[in-house]
Amino acid sequence: MEATGPMTDEELAEIEELVDATTPGPWYVRNLDDEYAMCLVAVGTTPDTGRGERRPEFDHGEIVAGTLIQQPRYVDVADGRWDENARFIAEARRHVPRLVAEVRRLQRLLAEARHDHAEI
């Protein structure tokens, strides 16, 4: 079900709790490779080196999510948007907290404007 209307304080708090529970950022898109994952597209806590490291040259503990694991086909979205999905996941870690803060800021401004207007 799609939510309608303004976001409530409870909804914003839920989003903040979700963010706070995740692995600390920043997150980065990683392009890795090995005989099992084959061109692994992942989101990790360390920047991509551009070298397409193979295991054990990369630490699997740095990987937050994978959007393409080809051998065997564990993770391989049908529309082929693994790069775009990885970028979205990585950027969401940075942008979602900012968006929540901006919604709260705008809600405060709106409440102040309504208060000021009510006094007139």
PDB file of N, CA and C in Angstrom:
ATOM      1  N   MET A   1       0.842  -1.171   0.000  1.00  0.00           N
ATOM      2  CA  MET A   1       0.000   0.000   0.000  1.00  0.00           C
ATOM      3  C   MET A   1       0.896   1.246   0.000  1.00  0.00           C
ATOM      4  N   GLU A   2       0.568   2.180  -0.852  1.00  0.00           N
ATOM      5  CA  GLU A   2       1.314   3.430  -0.915  1.00  0.00           C
ATOM      6  C   GLU A   2       0.795   4.409   0.122  1.00  0.00           C
ATOM      7  N   ALA A   3       1.735   5.021   0.826  1.00  0.00           N
ATOM      8  CA  ALA A   3       1.364   6.041   1.807  1.00  0.00           C
ATOM      9  C   ALA A   3       1.009   7.330   1.079  1.00  0.00           C
ATOM     10  N   THR A   4       0.033   8.030   1.605  1.00  0.00           N
ATOM     11  CA  THR A   4      -0.337   9.315   1.039  1.00  0.00           C
ATOM     12  C   THR A   4      -0.306  10.358   2.138  1.00  0.00           C
ATOM     13  N   GLY A   5      -0.232  11.603   1.737  1.00  0.00           N
ATOM     14  CA  GLY A   5      -0.216  12.690   2.705  1.00  0.00           C
ATOM     15  C   GLY A   5       1.185  12.949   3.231  1.00  0.00           C
ATOM     16  N   PRO A   6       1.297  13.938   4.096  1.00  0.00           N
ATOM     17  CA  PRO A   6       2.602  14.307   4.639  1.00  0.00           C
ATOM     18  C   PRO A   6       3.177  13.180   5.501  1.00  0.00           C
ATOM     19  N   MET A   7       4.488  13.101   5.529  1.00  0.00           N
ATOM     20  CA  MET A   7       5.151  12.114   6.382  1.00  0.00           C
ATOM     21  C   MET A   7       5.003  12.530   7.833  1.00  0.00           C
ATOM     22  N   THR A   8       4.693  11.563   8.657  1.00  0.00           N
ATOM     23  CA  THR A   8       4.532  11.828  10.081  1.00  0.00           C
ATOM     24  C   THR A   8       5.886  11.749  10.790  1.00  0.00           C
ATOM     25  N   ASP A   9       5.926  12.286  11.998  1.00  0.00           N
ATOM     26  CA  ASP A   9       7.139  12.175  12.812  1.00  0.00           C
ATOM     27  C   ASP A   9       7.491  10.710  13.049  1.00  0.00           C
ATOM     28  N   GLU A  10       6.477   9.871  13.220  1.00  0.00           N
ATOM     29  CA  GLU A  10       6.706   8.445  13.447  1.00  0.00           C
ATOM     30  C   GLU A  10       7.349   7.795  12.227  1.00  0.00           C
ATOM     31  N   GLU A  11       6.872   8.147  11.039  1.00  0.00           N
ATOM     32  CA  GLU A  11       7.461   7.593   9.811  1.00  0.00           C
ATOM     33  C   GLU A  11       8.910   8.031   9.650  1.00  0.00           C
ATOM     34  N   LEU A  12       9.160   9.304   9.910  1.00  0.00           N
ATOM     35  CA  LEU A  12      10.530   9.804   9.817  1.00  0.00           C
ATOM     36  C   LEU A  12      11.432   9.117  10.844  1.00  0.00           C
ATOM     37  N   ALA A  13      10.913   8.905  12.038  1.00  0.00           N
ATOM     38  CA  ALA A  13      11.689   8.214  13.071  1.00  0.00           C
ATOM     39  C   ALA A  13      11.989   6.778  12.653  1.00  0.00           C
ATOM     40  N   GLU A  14      11.022   6.107  12.025  1.00  0.00           N
ATOM     41  CA  GLU A  14      11.241   4.747  11.529  1.00  0.00           C
ATOM     42  C   GLU A  14      12.359   4.711  10.495  1.00  0.00           C
ATOM     43  N   ILE A  15      12.361   5.679   9.591  1.00  0.00           N
ATOM     44  CA  ILE A  15      13.407   5.747   8.572  1.00  0.00           C
ATOM     45  C   ILE A  15      14.760   5.983   9.234  1.00  0.00           C
ATOM     46  N   GLU A  16      14.805   6.894  10.200  1.00  0.00           N
ATOM     47  CA  GLU A  16      16.065   7.156  10.907  1.00  0.00           C
ATOM     48  C   GLU A  16      16.563   5.912  11.630  1.00  0.00           C
ATOM     49  N   GLU A  17      15.646   5.149  12.232  1.00  0.00           N
ATOM     50  CA  GLU A  17      16.038   3.903  12.894  1.00  0.00           C
ATOM     51  C   GLU A  17      16.609   2.905  11.896  1.00  0.00           C
ATOM     52  N   LEU A  18      15.998   2.816  10.720  1.00  0.00           N
ATOM     53  CA  LEU A  18      16.518   1.930   9.683  1.00  0.00           C
ATOM     54  C   LEU A  18      17.934   2.324   9.282  1.00  0.00           C
ATOM     55  N   VAL A  19      18.148   3.614   9.068  1.00  0.00           N
ATOM     56  CA  VAL A  19      19.474   4.102   8.691  1.00  0.00           C
ATOM     57  C   VAL A  19      20.485   3.825   9.801  1.00  0.00           C
ATOM     58  N   ASP A  20      20.102   4.148  11.037  1.00  0.00           N
ATOM     59  CA  ASP A  20      21.017   3.971  12.166  1.00  0.00           C
ATOM     60  C   ASP A  20      21.410   2.512  12.376  1.00  0.00           C
ATOM     61  N   ALA A  21      20.555   1.585  11.959  1.00  0.00           N
ATOM     62  CA  ALA A  21      20.830   0.168  12.146  1.00  0.00           C
ATOM     63  C   ALA A  21      21.756  -0.408  11.074  1.00  0.00           C
ATOM     64  N   THR A  22      22.012   0.356  10.002  1.00  0.00           N
ATOM     65  CA  THR A  22      22.845  -0.158   8.917  1.00  0.00           C
ATOM     66  C   THR A  22      24.325  -0.001   9.234  1.00  0.00           C
ATOM     67  N   THR A  23      25.149  -0.659   8.436  1.00  0.00           N
ATOM     68  CA  THR A  23      26.596  -0.500   8.514  1.00  0.00           C
ATOM     69  C   THR A  23      26.928   0.962   8.249  1.00  0.00           C
ATOM     70  N   PRO A  24      27.797   1.556   9.065  1.00  0.00           N
ATOM     71  CA  PRO A  24      28.139   2.963   8.850  1.00  0.00           C
ATOM     72  C   PRO A  24      28.681   3.214   7.437  1.00  0.00           C
ATOM     73  N   GLY A  25      28.397   4.394   6.936  1.00  0.00           N
ATOM     74  CA  GLY A  25      28.865   4.793   5.602  1.00  0.00           C
ATOM     75  C   GLY A  25      30.175   5.519   5.701  1.00  0.00           C
ATOM     76  N   PRO A  26      30.678   6.000   4.605  1.00  0.00           N
ATOM     77  CA  PRO A  26      30.048   5.953   3.280  1.00  0.00           C
ATOM     78  C   PRO A  26      30.162   4.571   2.652  1.00  0.00           C
ATOM     79  N   TRP A  27      29.284   4.342   1.688  1.00  0.00           N
ATOM     80  CA  TRP A  27      29.309   3.107   0.916  1.00  0.00           C
ATOM     81  C   TRP A  27      29.724   3.433  -0.510  1.00  0.00           C
ATOM     82  N   TYR A  28      30.321   2.456  -1.175  1.00  0.00           N
ATOM     83  CA  TYR A  28      30.852   2.633  -2.526  1.00  0.00           C
ATOM     84  C   TYR A  28      30.449   1.450  -3.404  1.00  0.00           C
ATOM     85  N   VAL A  29      30.332   1.690  -4.696  1.00  0.00           N
ATOM     86  CA  VAL A  29      30.140   0.609  -5.650  1.00  0.00           C
ATOM     87  C   VAL A  29      31.504  -0.036  -5.871  1.00  0.00           C
ATOM     88  N   ARG A  30      31.542  -1.353  -5.773  1.00  0.00           N
ATOM     89  CA  ARG A  30      32.779  -2.116  -5.968  1.00  0.00           C
ATOM     90  C   ARG A  30      32.577  -3.059  -7.148  1.00  0.00           C
ATOM     91  N   ASN A  31      33.529  -3.080  -8.049  1.00  0.00           N
ATOM     92  CA  ASN A  31      33.534  -4.032  -9.158  1.00  0.00           C
ATOM     93  C   ASN A  31      34.662  -5.011  -8.891  1.00  0.00           C
ATOM     94  N   LEU A  32      34.290  -6.235  -8.529  1.00  0.00           N
ATOM     95  CA  LEU A  32      35.244  -7.257  -8.125  1.00  0.00           C
ATOM     96  C   LEU A  32      35.126  -8.446  -9.063  1.00  0.00           C
ATOM     97  N   ASP A  33      36.033  -9.400  -8.920  1.00  0.00           N
ATOM     98  CA  ASP A  33      36.009 -10.542  -9.821  1.00  0.00           C
ATOM     99  C   ASP A  33      36.647 -11.734  -9.115  1.00  0.00           C
ATOM    100  N   ASP A  34      36.120 -12.897  -9.336  1.00  0.00           N
ATOM    101  CA  ASP A  34      36.790 -14.127  -8.956  1.00  0.00           C
ATOM    102  C   ASP A  34      36.130 -15.279  -9.696  1.00  0.00           C
ATOM    103  N   GLU A  35      36.672 -16.467  -9.552  1.00  0.00           N
ATOM    104  CA  GLU A  35      36.161 -17.592 -10.330  1.00  0.00           C
ATOM    105  C   GLU A  35      34.737 -17.979  -9.963  1.00  0.00           C
ATOM    106  N   TYR A  36      34.267 -17.547  -8.791  1.00  0.00           N
ATOM    107  CA  TYR A  36      32.912 -17.885  -8.376  1.00  0.00           C
ATOM    108  C   TYR A  36      31.928 -16.761  -8.678  1.00  0.00           C
ATOM    109  N   ALA A  37      32.263 -15.550  -8.283  1.00  0.00           N
ATOM    110  CA  ALA A  37      31.324 -14.446  -8.440  1.00  0.00           C
ATOM    111  C   ALA A  37      31.298 -13.901  -9.861  1.00  0.00           C
ATOM    112  N   MET A  38      32.361 -13.987 -10.582  1.00  0.00           N
ATOM    113  CA  MET A  38      32.465 -13.499 -11.958  1.00  0.00           C
ATOM    114  C   MET A  38      31.899 -12.091 -12.125  1.00  0.00           C
ATOM    115  N   CYS A  39      32.744 -11.117 -12.160  1.00  0.00           N
ATOM    116  CA  CYS A  39      32.330  -9.730 -12.366  1.00  0.00           C
ATOM    117  C   CYS A  39      31.339  -9.273 -11.306  1.00  0.00           C
ATOM    118  N   LEU A  40      31.655  -9.541 -10.054  1.00  0.00           N
ATOM    119  CA  LEU A  40      30.798  -9.174  -8.933  1.00  0.00           C
ATOM    120  C   LEU A  40      30.612  -7.661  -8.888  1.00  0.00           C
ATOM    121  N   VAL A  41      29.371  -7.213  -8.882  1.00  0.00           N
ATOM    122  CA  VAL A  41      29.041  -5.811  -8.658  1.00  0.00           C
ATOM    123  C   VAL A  41      28.456  -5.753  -7.255  1.00  0.00           C
ATOM    124  N   ALA A  42      29.120  -4.998  -6.393  1.00  0.00           N
ATOM    125  CA  ALA A  42      28.737  -4.986  -4.989  1.00  0.00           C
ATOM    126  C   ALA A  42      28.781  -3.572  -4.444  1.00  0.00           C
ATOM    127  N   VAL A  43      28.226  -3.436  -3.254  1.00  0.00           N
ATOM    128  CA  VAL A  43      28.310  -2.199  -2.490  1.00  0.00           C
ATOM    129  C   VAL A  43      29.147  -2.540  -1.271  1.00  0.00           C
ATOM    130  N   GLY A  44      30.164  -1.719  -1.025  1.00  0.00           N
ATOM    131  CA  GLY A  44      31.056  -1.991   0.089  1.00  0.00           C
ATOM    132  C   GLY A  44      31.436  -0.738   0.845  1.00  0.00           C
ATOM    133  N   THR A  45      32.168  -0.953   1.913  1.00  0.00           N
ATOM    134  CA  THR A  45      32.563   0.151   2.787  1.00  0.00           C
ATOM    135  C   THR A  45      33.912   0.749   2.402  1.00  0.00           C
ATOM    136  N   THR A  46      34.536   0.218   1.372  1.00  0.00           N
ATOM    137  CA  THR A  46      35.800   0.782   0.892  1.00  0.00           C
ATOM    138  C   THR A  46      35.653   1.125  -0.589  1.00  0.00           C
ATOM    139  N   PRO A  47      36.356   2.156  -1.036  1.00  0.00           N
ATOM    140  CA  PRO A  47      36.231   2.568  -2.441  1.00  0.00           C
ATOM    141  C   PRO A  47      36.746   1.511  -3.410  1.00  0.00           C
ATOM    142  N   ASP A  48      36.202   1.539  -4.610  1.00  0.00           N
ATOM    143  CA  ASP A  48      36.660   0.666  -5.684  1.00  0.00           C
ATOM    144  C   ASP A  48      38.062   1.082  -6.105  1.00  0.00           C
ATOM    145  N   THR A  49      38.915   0.112  -6.355  1.00  0.00           N
ATOM    146  CA  THR A  49      40.287   0.408  -6.773  1.00  0.00           C
ATOM    147  C   THR A  49      40.437   0.451  -8.284  1.00  0.00           C
ATOM    148  N   GLY A  50      39.437  -0.072  -9.005  1.00  0.00           N
ATOM    149  CA  GLY A  50      39.537  -0.143 -10.457  1.00  0.00           C
ATOM    150  C   GLY A  50      40.315  -1.362 -10.931  1.00  0.00           C
ATOM    151  N   ARG A  51      40.753  -2.210 -10.006  1.00  0.00           N
ATOM    152  CA  ARG A  51      41.561  -3.378 -10.368  1.00  0.00           C
ATOM    153  C   ARG A  51      40.747  -4.660 -10.456  1.00  0.00           C
ATOM    154  N   GLY A  52      39.451  -4.631 -10.120  1.00  0.00           N
ATOM    155  CA  GLY A  52      38.618  -5.835 -10.193  1.00  0.00           C
ATOM    156  C   GLY A  52      39.207  -6.987  -9.397  1.00  0.00           C
ATOM    157  N   GLU A  53      39.585  -6.722  -8.155  1.00  0.00           N
ATOM    158  CA  GLU A  53      40.259  -7.720  -7.344  1.00  0.00           C
ATOM    159  C   GLU A  53      39.505  -9.039  -7.288  1.00  0.00           C
ATOM    160  N   ARG A  54      40.277 -10.101  -7.143  1.00  0.00           N
ATOM    161  CA  ARG A  54      39.738 -11.436  -6.953  1.00  0.00           C
ATOM    162  C   ARG A  54      39.942 -11.826  -5.506  1.00  0.00           C
ATOM    163  N   ARG A  55      39.063 -12.686  -4.997  1.00  0.00           N
ATOM    164  CA  ARG A  55      39.278 -13.217  -3.653  1.00  0.00           C
ATOM    165  C   ARG A  55      40.570 -13.984  -3.646  1.00  0.00           C
ATOM    166  N   PRO A  56      41.397 -13.894  -2.653  1.00  0.00           N
ATOM    167  CA  PRO A  56      41.219 -13.246  -1.362  1.00  0.00           C
ATOM    168  C   PRO A  56      41.762 -11.820  -1.310  1.00  0.00           C
ATOM    169  N   GLU A  57      41.971 -11.171  -2.452  1.00  0.00           N
ATOM    170  CA  GLU A  57      42.519  -9.813  -2.465  1.00  0.00           C
ATOM    171  C   GLU A  57      41.535  -8.770  -1.948  1.00  0.00           C
ATOM    172  N   PHE A  58      40.262  -9.083  -1.884  1.00  0.00           N
ATOM    173  CA  PHE A  58      39.307  -8.164  -1.263  1.00  0.00           C
ATOM    174  C   PHE A  58      38.714  -8.848  -0.036  1.00  0.00           C
ATOM    175  N   ASP A  59      38.363  -8.042   0.945  1.00  0.00           N
ATOM    176  CA  ASP A  59      37.819  -8.559   2.194  1.00  0.00           C
ATOM    177  C   ASP A  59      36.310  -8.669   2.068  1.00  0.00           C
ATOM    178  N   HIS A  60      35.789  -9.890   2.096  1.00  0.00           N
ATOM    179  CA  HIS A  60      34.336 -10.067   1.969  1.00  0.00           C
ATOM    180  C   HIS A  60      33.577  -9.359   3.089  1.00  0.00           C
ATOM    181  N   GLY A  61      34.241  -9.081   4.210  1.00  0.00           N
ATOM    182  CA  GLY A  61      33.604  -8.376   5.307  1.00  0.00           C
ATOM    183  C   GLY A  61      33.337  -6.910   5.017  1.00  0.00           C
ATOM    184  N   GLU A  62      33.880  -6.400   3.921  1.00  0.00           N
ATOM    185  CA  GLU A  62      33.637  -5.013   3.509  1.00  0.00           C
ATOM    186  C   GLU A  62      32.426  -4.897   2.591  1.00  0.00           C
ATOM    187  N   ILE A  63      31.834  -6.024   2.185  1.00  0.00           N
ATOM    188  CA  ILE A  63      30.728  -6.006   1.231  1.00  0.00           C
ATOM    189  C   ILE A  63      29.400  -5.895   1.984  1.00  0.00           C
ATOM    190  N   VAL A  64      28.623  -4.890   1.633  1.00  0.00           N
ATOM    191  CA  VAL A  64      27.320  -4.641   2.245  1.00  0.00           C
ATOM    192  C   VAL A  64      26.211  -5.322   1.443  1.00  0.00           C
ATOM    193  N   ALA A  65      26.308  -5.288   0.127  1.00  0.00           N
ATOM    194  CA  ALA A  65      25.276  -5.870  -0.736  1.00  0.00           C
ATOM    195  C   ALA A  65      25.892  -6.224  -2.075  1.00  0.00           C
ATOM    196  N   GLY A  66      25.308  -7.186  -2.740  1.00  0.00           N
ATOM    197  CA  GLY A  66      25.733  -7.549  -4.090  1.00  0.00           C
ATOM    198  C   GLY A  66      24.567  -7.409  -5.041  1.00  0.00           C
ATOM    199  N   THR A  67      24.825  -6.860  -6.220  1.00  0.00           N
ATOM    200  CA  THR A  67      23.763  -6.732  -7.211  1.00  0.00           C
ATOM    201  C   THR A  67      24.014  -7.602  -8.437  1.00  0.00           C
ATOM    202  N   LEU A  68      25.207  -8.238  -8.514  1.00  0.00           N
ATOM    203  CA  LEU A  68      25.476  -9.184  -9.595  1.00  0.00           C
ATOM    204  C   LEU A  68      26.486 -10.209  -9.101  1.00  0.00           C
ATOM    205  N   ILE A  69      26.057 -11.453  -9.031  1.00  0.00           N
ATOM    206  CA  ILE A  69      26.942 -12.588  -8.781  1.00  0.00           C
ATOM    207  C   ILE A  69      26.542 -13.619  -9.822  1.00  0.00           C
ATOM    208  N   GLN A  70      27.440 -13.875 -10.783  1.00  0.00           N
ATOM    209  CA  GLN A  70      27.047 -14.628 -11.967  1.00  0.00           C
ATOM    210  C   GLN A  70      27.318 -16.125 -11.927  1.00  0.00           C
ATOM    211  N   GLN A  71      28.228 -16.583 -11.109  1.00  0.00           N
ATOM    212  CA  GLN A  71      28.603 -18.000 -11.178  1.00  0.00           C
ATOM    213  C   GLN A  71      28.580 -18.627  -9.810  1.00  0.00           C
ATOM    214  N   PRO A  72      27.608 -19.417  -9.457  1.00  0.00           N
ATOM    215  CA  PRO A  72      26.375 -19.607 -10.220  1.00  0.00           C
ATOM    216  C   PRO A  72      25.513 -18.360 -10.129  1.00  0.00           C
ATOM    217  N   ARG A  73      24.462 -18.313 -10.869  1.00  0.00           N
ATOM    218  CA  ARG A  73      23.624 -17.125 -10.939  1.00  0.00           C
ATOM    219  C   ARG A  73      22.842 -16.938  -9.647  1.00  0.00           C
ATOM    220  N   TYR A  74      23.551 -16.423  -8.623  1.00  0.00           N
ATOM    221  CA  TYR A  74      22.911 -16.141  -7.338  1.00  0.00           C
ATOM    222  C   TYR A  74      22.176 -14.818  -7.371  1.00  0.00           C
ATOM    223  N   VAL A  75      22.824 -13.802  -7.896  1.00  0.00           N
ATOM    224  CA  VAL A  75      22.251 -12.455  -7.917  1.00  0.00           C
ATOM    225  C   VAL A  75      22.448 -11.925  -9.333  1.00  0.00           C
ATOM    226  N   ASP A  76      21.358 -11.766 -10.056  1.00  0.00           N
ATOM    227  CA  ASP A  76      21.437 -11.324 -11.454  1.00  0.00           C
ATOM    228  C   ASP A  76      20.048 -10.851 -11.867  1.00  0.00           C
ATOM    229  N   VAL A  77      19.741  -9.596 -11.564  1.00  0.00           N
ATOM    230  CA  VAL A  77      18.407  -9.065 -11.816  1.00  0.00           C
ATOM    231  C   VAL A  77      18.072  -9.145 -13.313  1.00  0.00           C
ATOM    232  N   ALA A  78      16.833  -9.483 -13.616  1.00  0.00           N
ATOM    233  CA  ALA A  78      16.402  -9.746 -14.984  1.00  0.00           C
ATOM    234  C   ALA A  78      16.586  -8.560 -15.918  1.00  0.00           C
ATOM    235  N   ASP A  79      16.461  -7.326 -15.402  1.00  0.00           N
ATOM    236  CA  ASP A  79      16.550  -6.171 -16.304  1.00  0.00           C
ATOM    237  C   ASP A  79      17.989  -5.702 -16.527  1.00  0.00           C
ATOM    238  N   GLY A  80      18.967  -6.362 -15.920  1.00  0.00           N
ATOM    239  CA  GLY A  80      20.368  -6.027 -16.154  1.00  0.00           C
ATOM    240  C   GLY A  80      20.830  -4.725 -15.535  1.00  0.00           C
ATOM    241  N   ARG A  81      20.101  -4.200 -14.598  1.00  0.00           N
ATOM    242  CA  ARG A  81      20.458  -2.907 -14.003  1.00  0.00           C
ATOM    243  C   ARG A  81      21.276  -3.067 -12.720  1.00  0.00           C
ATOM    244  N   TRP A  82      22.197  -4.019 -12.688  1.00  0.00           N
ATOM    245  CA  TRP A  82      22.987  -4.240 -11.482  1.00  0.00           C
ATOM    246  C   TRP A  82      23.876  -3.059 -11.144  1.00  0.00           C
ATOM    247  N   ASP A  83      24.452  -2.396 -12.141  1.00  0.00           N
ATOM    248  CA  ASP A  83      25.280  -1.209 -11.868  1.00  0.00           C
ATOM    249  C   ASP A  83      24.436  -0.086 -11.282  1.00  0.00           C
ATOM    250  N   GLU A  84      23.280   0.166 -11.895  1.00  0.00           N
ATOM    251  CA  GLU A  84      22.391   1.226 -11.431  1.00  0.00           C
ATOM    252  C   GLU A  84      21.863   0.925 -10.029  1.00  0.00           C
ATOM    253  N   ASN A  85      21.517  -0.334  -9.772  1.00  0.00           N
ATOM    254  CA  ASN A  85      21.019  -0.720  -8.456  1.00  0.00           C
ATOM    255  C   ASN A  85      22.099  -0.564  -7.395  1.00  0.00           C
ATOM    256  N   ALA A  86      23.324  -0.954  -7.722  1.00  0.00           N
ATOM    257  CA  ALA A  86      24.425  -0.806  -6.765  1.00  0.00           C
ATOM    258  C   ALA A  86      24.660   0.666  -6.453  1.00  0.00           C
ATOM    259  N   ARG A  87      24.629   1.503  -7.466  1.00  0.00           N
ATOM    260  CA  ARG A  87      24.827   2.935  -7.234  1.00  0.00           C
ATOM    261  C   ARG A  87      23.717   3.505  -6.350  1.00  0.00           C
ATOM    262  N   PHE A  88      22.475   3.089  -6.596  1.00  0.00           N
ATOM    263  CA  PHE A  88      21.352   3.560  -5.779  1.00  0.00           C
ATOM    264  C   PHE A  88      21.535   3.152  -4.321  1.00  0.00           C
ATOM    265  N   ILE A  89      21.878   1.898  -4.086  1.00  0.00           N
ATOM    266  CA  ILE A  89      22.069   1.423  -2.712  1.00  0.00           C
ATOM    267  C   ILE A  89      23.179   2.211  -2.025  1.00  0.00           C
ATOM    268  N   ALA A  90      24.302   2.370  -2.713  1.00  0.00           N
ATOM    269  CA  ALA A  90      25.433   3.096  -2.130  1.00  0.00           C
ATOM    270  C   ALA A  90      25.070   4.545  -1.827  1.00  0.00           C
ATOM    271  N   GLU A  91      24.421   5.199  -2.757  1.00  0.00           N
ATOM    272  CA  GLU A  91      24.070   6.611  -2.574  1.00  0.00           C
ATOM    273  C   GLU A  91      22.953   6.800  -1.548  1.00  0.00           C
ATOM    274  N   ALA A  92      22.057   5.812  -1.423  1.00  0.00           N
ATOM    275  CA  ALA A  92      20.970   5.916  -0.446  1.00  0.00           C
ATOM    276  C   ALA A  92      21.528   6.042   0.965  1.00  0.00           C
ATOM    277  N   ARG A  93      22.639   5.378   1.255  1.00  0.00           N
ATOM    278  CA  ARG A  93      23.236   5.444   2.596  1.00  0.00           C
ATOM    279  C   ARG A  93      23.594   6.882   2.954  1.00  0.00           C
ATOM    280  N   ARG A  94      23.974   7.658   1.943  1.00  0.00           N
ATOM    281  CA  ARG A  94      24.344   9.058   2.163  1.00  0.00           C
ATOM    282  C   ARG A  94      23.142   9.990   2.076  1.00  0.00           C
ATOM    283  N   HIS A  95      22.255   9.747   1.136  1.00  0.00           N
ATOM    284  CA  HIS A  95      21.165  10.690   0.867  1.00  0.00           C
ATOM    285  C   HIS A  95      19.949  10.537   1.769  1.00  0.00           C
ATOM    286  N   VAL A  96      19.618   9.338   2.192  1.00  0.00           N
ATOM    287  CA  VAL A  96      18.411   9.158   3.001  1.00  0.00           C
ATOM    288  C   VAL A  96      18.472   9.971   4.296  1.00  0.00           C
ATOM    289  N   PRO A  97      19.567   9.942   5.060  1.00  0.00           N
ATOM    290  CA  PRO A  97      19.600  10.792   6.262  1.00  0.00           C
ATOM    291  C   PRO A  97      19.437  12.279   5.941  1.00  0.00           C
ATOM    292  N   ARG A  98      20.016  12.718   4.838  1.00  0.00           N
ATOM    293  CA  ARG A  98      19.878  14.121   4.440  1.00  0.00           C
ATOM    294  C   ARG A  98      18.439  14.444   4.058  1.00  0.00           C
ATOM    295  N   LEU A  99      17.777  13.525   3.367  1.00  0.00           N
ATOM    296  CA  LEU A  99      16.383  13.751   2.989  1.00  0.00           C
ATOM    297  C   LEU A  99      15.484  13.821   4.212  1.00  0.00           C
ATOM    298  N   VAL A 100      15.714  12.957   5.189  1.00  0.00           N
ATOM    299  CA  VAL A 100      14.911  13.000   6.417  1.00  0.00           C
ATOM    300  C   VAL A 100      15.122  14.346   7.113  1.00  0.00           C
ATOM    301  N   ALA A 101      16.372  14.782   7.204  1.00  0.00           N
ATOM    302  CA  ALA A 101      16.663  16.072   7.837  1.00  0.00           C
ATOM    303  C   ALA A 101      15.991  17.215   7.074  1.00  0.00           C
ATOM    304  N   GLU A 102      15.986  17.146   5.760  1.00  0.00           N
ATOM    305  CA  GLU A 102      15.355  18.193   4.954  1.00  0.00           C
ATOM    306  C   GLU A 102      13.841  18.194   5.143  1.00  0.00           C
ATOM    307  N   VAL A 103      13.218  17.033   5.203  1.00  0.00           N
ATOM    308  CA  VAL A 103      11.773  16.966   5.447  1.00  0.00           C
ATOM    309  C   VAL A 103      11.457  17.589   6.803  1.00  0.00           C
ATOM    310  N   ARG A 104      12.250  17.244   7.817  1.00  0.00           N
ATOM    311  CA  ARG A 104      12.025  17.814   9.150  1.00  0.00           C
ATOM    312  C   ARG A 104      12.190  19.342   9.126  1.00  0.00           C
ATOM    313  N   ARG A 105      13.208  19.819   8.411  1.00  0.00           N
ATOM    314  CA  ARG A 105      13.447  21.265   8.318  1.00  0.00           C
ATOM    315  C   ARG A 105      12.272  21.963   7.641  1.00  0.00           C
ATOM    316  N   LEU A 106      11.804  21.400   6.547  1.00  0.00           N
ATOM    317  CA  LEU A 106      10.684  21.999   5.822  1.00  0.00           C
ATOM    318  C   LEU A 106       9.393  21.938   6.641  1.00  0.00           C
ATOM    319  N   GLN A 107       9.198  20.863   7.379  1.00  0.00           N
ATOM    320  CA  GLN A 107       8.022  20.781   8.243  1.00  0.00           C
ATOM    321  C   GLN A 107       8.065  21.856   9.329  1.00  0.00           C
ATOM    322  N   ARG A 108       9.265  22.107   9.892  1.00  0.00           N
ATOM    323  CA  ARG A 108       9.394  23.173  10.895  1.00  0.00           C
ATOM    324  C   ARG A 108       9.080  24.535  10.290  1.00  0.00           C
ATOM    325  N   LEU A 109       9.604  24.807   9.090  1.00  0.00           N
ATOM    326  CA  LEU A 109       9.330  26.080   8.426  1.00  0.00           C
ATOM    327  C   LEU A 109       7.835  26.246   8.152  1.00  0.00           C
ATOM    328  N   LEU A 110       7.199  25.182   7.713  1.00  0.00           N
ATOM    329  CA  LEU A 110       5.770  25.240   7.437  1.00  0.00           C
ATOM    330  C   LEU A 110       4.983  25.503   8.726  1.00  0.00           C
ATOM    331  N   ALA A 111       5.364  24.831   9.802  1.00  0.00           N
ATOM    332  CA  ALA A 111       4.684  25.036  11.091  1.00  0.00           C
ATOM    333  C   ALA A 111       4.876  26.478  11.562  1.00  0.00           C
ATOM    334  N   GLU A 112       6.086  27.025  11.393  1.00  0.00           N
ATOM    335  CA  GLU A 112       6.344  28.414  11.785  1.00  0.00           C
ATOM    336  C   GLU A 112       5.509  29.378  10.940  1.00  0.00           C
ATOM    337  N   ALA A 113       5.433  29.111   9.638  1.00  0.00           N
ATOM    338  CA  ALA A 113       4.650  29.979   8.746  1.00  0.00           C
ATOM    339  C   ALA A 113       3.170  29.935   9.120  1.00  0.00           C
ATOM    340  N   ARG A 114       2.676  28.749   9.444  1.00  0.00           N
ATOM    341  CA  ARG A 114       1.267  28.644   9.862  1.00  0.00           C
ATOM    342  C   ARG A 114       1.033  29.389  11.158  1.00  0.00           C
ATOM    343  N   HIS A 115       1.982  29.271  12.072  1.00  0.00           N
ATOM    344  CA  HIS A 115       1.872  29.981  13.359  1.00  0.00           C
ATOM    345  C   HIS A 115       1.870  31.497  13.137  1.00  0.00           C
ATOM    346  N   ASP A 116       2.823  31.972  12.299  1.00  0.00           N
ATOM    347  CA  ASP A 116       2.899  33.402  12.006  1.00  0.00           C
ATOM    348  C   ASP A 116       1.624  33.901  11.333  1.00  0.00           C
ATOM    349  N   HIS A 117       1.087  33.092  10.422  1.00  0.00           N
ATOM    350  CA  HIS A 117      -0.126  33.473   9.709  1.00  0.00           C
ATOM    351  C   HIS A 117      -1.318  33.515  10.667  1.00  0.00           C
ATOM    352  N   ALA A 118      -1.358  32.587  11.622  1.00  0.00           N
ATOM    353  CA  ALA A 118      -2.453  32.543  12.592  1.00  0.00           C
ATOM    354  C   ALA A 118      -2.456  33.772  13.495  1.00  0.00           C
ATOM    355  N   GLU A 119      -1.277  34.350  13.713  1.00  0.00           N
ATOM    356  CA  GLU A 119      -1.174  35.528  14.570  1.00  0.00           C
ATOM    357  C   GLU A 119      -1.631  36.796  13.892  1.00  0.00           C
ATOM    358  N   ILE A 120      -1.700  36.766  12.570  1.00  0.00           N
ATOM    359  CA  ILE A 120      -2.081  37.953  11.803  1.00  0.00           C
ATOM    360  C   ILE A 120      -3.545  38.215  11.854  1.00  0.00           C
TER     361      ILE A 120
END
